[in-house]
Amino acid sequence: MAIPALVVMHLMALHVHGSSNPLGITGNIDRLPMHPYFIFKDLITVFVFLLVFSLFVFFSPNTMGHPDNYIPGNPLVTPASIVPEW
């Protein structure tokens, strides 16, 4: 919860004071406003990621699955991978 709060505080400070450099020279000549340009660009990236992630999750959920997950369970047999530590 602390990291999102720090991110919001950072964005608020950038919005009020702007970014600077070590020499203190202002670069207001070619500055673009954060909203709508960068917000729109970031939202497009988020939506494309969510689309690809949703396609992966809903249409091929077993791609990263392990083949052992498809063996029917038998309560009378212990799997070979479970061994005592001694």
Protein backbone atom coordinates (compact mmCIF):
# COMPACT_ATOMS: atom_id res chain seq x y z
CA MET A 1 0.00 0.00 0.00
CA ALA A 2 2.95 2.29 0.53
CA ILE A 3 4.31 2.00 -3.02
CA PRO A 4 1.09 3.19 -4.74
CA ALA A 5 0.93 6.09 -2.28
CA LEU A 6 4.52 7.05 -3.12
CA VAL A 7 3.75 6.82 -6.84
CA VAL A 8 0.76 9.15 -6.45
CA MET A 9 2.83 11.61 -4.39
CA HIS A 10 5.57 11.51 -7.02
CA LEU A 11 3.10 12.23 -9.84
CA MET A 12 1.58 15.08 -7.83
CA ALA A 13 5.03 16.59 -7.26
CA LEU A 14 5.86 16.29 -10.96
CA HIS A 15 2.56 17.92 -11.85
CA VAL A 16 3.11 20.88 -9.52
CA HIS A 17 6.86 21.49 -9.75
CA GLY A 18 7.80 19.76 -12.98
CA SER A 19 11.00 17.93 -13.74
CA SER A 20 14.36 19.66 -13.47
CA ASN A 21 17.99 18.98 -14.22
CA PRO A 22 21.17 19.51 -12.16
CA LEU A 23 21.91 22.86 -13.83
CA GLY A 24 18.48 24.26 -13.02
CA ILE A 25 17.78 25.29 -16.60
CA THR A 26 14.07 25.19 -17.33
CA GLY A 27 12.95 23.44 -20.47
CA ASN A 28 9.41 24.80 -20.74
CA ILE A 29 9.76 25.45 -24.47
CA ASP A 30 9.06 21.93 -25.73
CA ARG A 31 7.14 20.55 -22.75
CA LEU A 32 3.96 18.54 -23.39
CA PRO A 33 1.22 18.29 -20.78
CA MET A 34 0.96 14.93 -19.07
CA HIS A 35 -2.79 14.81 -19.65
CA PRO A 36 -3.99 13.88 -22.32
CA TYR A 37 -0.84 12.84 -24.24
CA PHE A 38 1.02 10.56 -21.85
CA ILE A 39 -2.07 9.31 -20.00
CA PHE A 40 -3.59 8.25 -23.34
CA LYS A 41 -0.36 6.54 -24.42
CA ASP A 42 -0.10 4.65 -21.14
CA LEU A 43 -3.78 3.63 -21.24
CA ILE A 44 -3.36 2.22 -24.74
CA THR A 45 -0.42 0.14 -23.47
CA VAL A 46 -2.43 -1.12 -20.48
CA PHE A 47 -5.43 -2.05 -22.65
CA VAL A 48 -3.25 -3.90 -25.19
CA PHE A 49 -1.58 -5.82 -22.35
CA LEU A 50 -4.97 -6.68 -20.81
CA LEU A 51 -6.28 -7.83 -24.19
CA VAL A 52 -3.31 -10.14 -24.79
CA PHE A 53 -3.45 -11.40 -21.21
CA SER A 54 -7.21 -12.05 -21.45
CA LEU A 55 -6.80 -13.95 -24.71
CA PHE A 56 -4.08 -16.06 -23.11
CA VAL A 57 -6.12 -16.75 -19.96
CA PHE A 58 -9.49 -17.44 -21.57
CA PHE A 59 -8.50 -19.27 -24.76
CA SER A 60 -5.41 -21.25 -23.74
CA PRO A 61 -5.37 -21.57 -19.95
CA ASN A 62 -3.45 -24.87 -19.96
CA THR A 63 -0.46 -23.62 -21.93
CA MET A 64 1.73 -23.25 -18.85
CA GLY A 65 0.23 -26.26 -17.06
CA HIS A 66 2.19 -29.31 -15.97
CA PRO A 67 1.31 -32.70 -17.51
CA ASP A 68 1.01 -34.27 -14.05
CA ASN A 69 -2.11 -32.17 -13.48
CA TYR A 70 -4.03 -34.37 -15.94
CA ILE A 71 -3.38 -37.68 -14.19
CA PRO A 72 -6.54 -38.73 -12.33
CA GLY A 73 -6.11 -38.88 -8.59
CA ASN A 74 -5.99 -42.26 -6.85
CA PRO A 75 -6.35 -42.14 -3.05
CA LEU A 76 -4.76 -45.60 -2.68
CA VAL A 77 -1.46 -44.79 -4.39
CA THR A 78 1.12 -42.28 -3.20
CA PRO A 79 2.75 -40.35 -6.05
CA ALA A 80 6.35 -41.30 -6.77
CA SER A 81 7.51 -37.72 -6.28
CA ILE A 82 6.52 -37.77 -2.60
CA VAL A 83 9.37 -39.41 -0.66
CA PRO A 84 10.53 -39.12 2.95
CA GLU A 85 13.45 -36.82 3.64
CA TRP A 86 15.50 -39.46 5.41
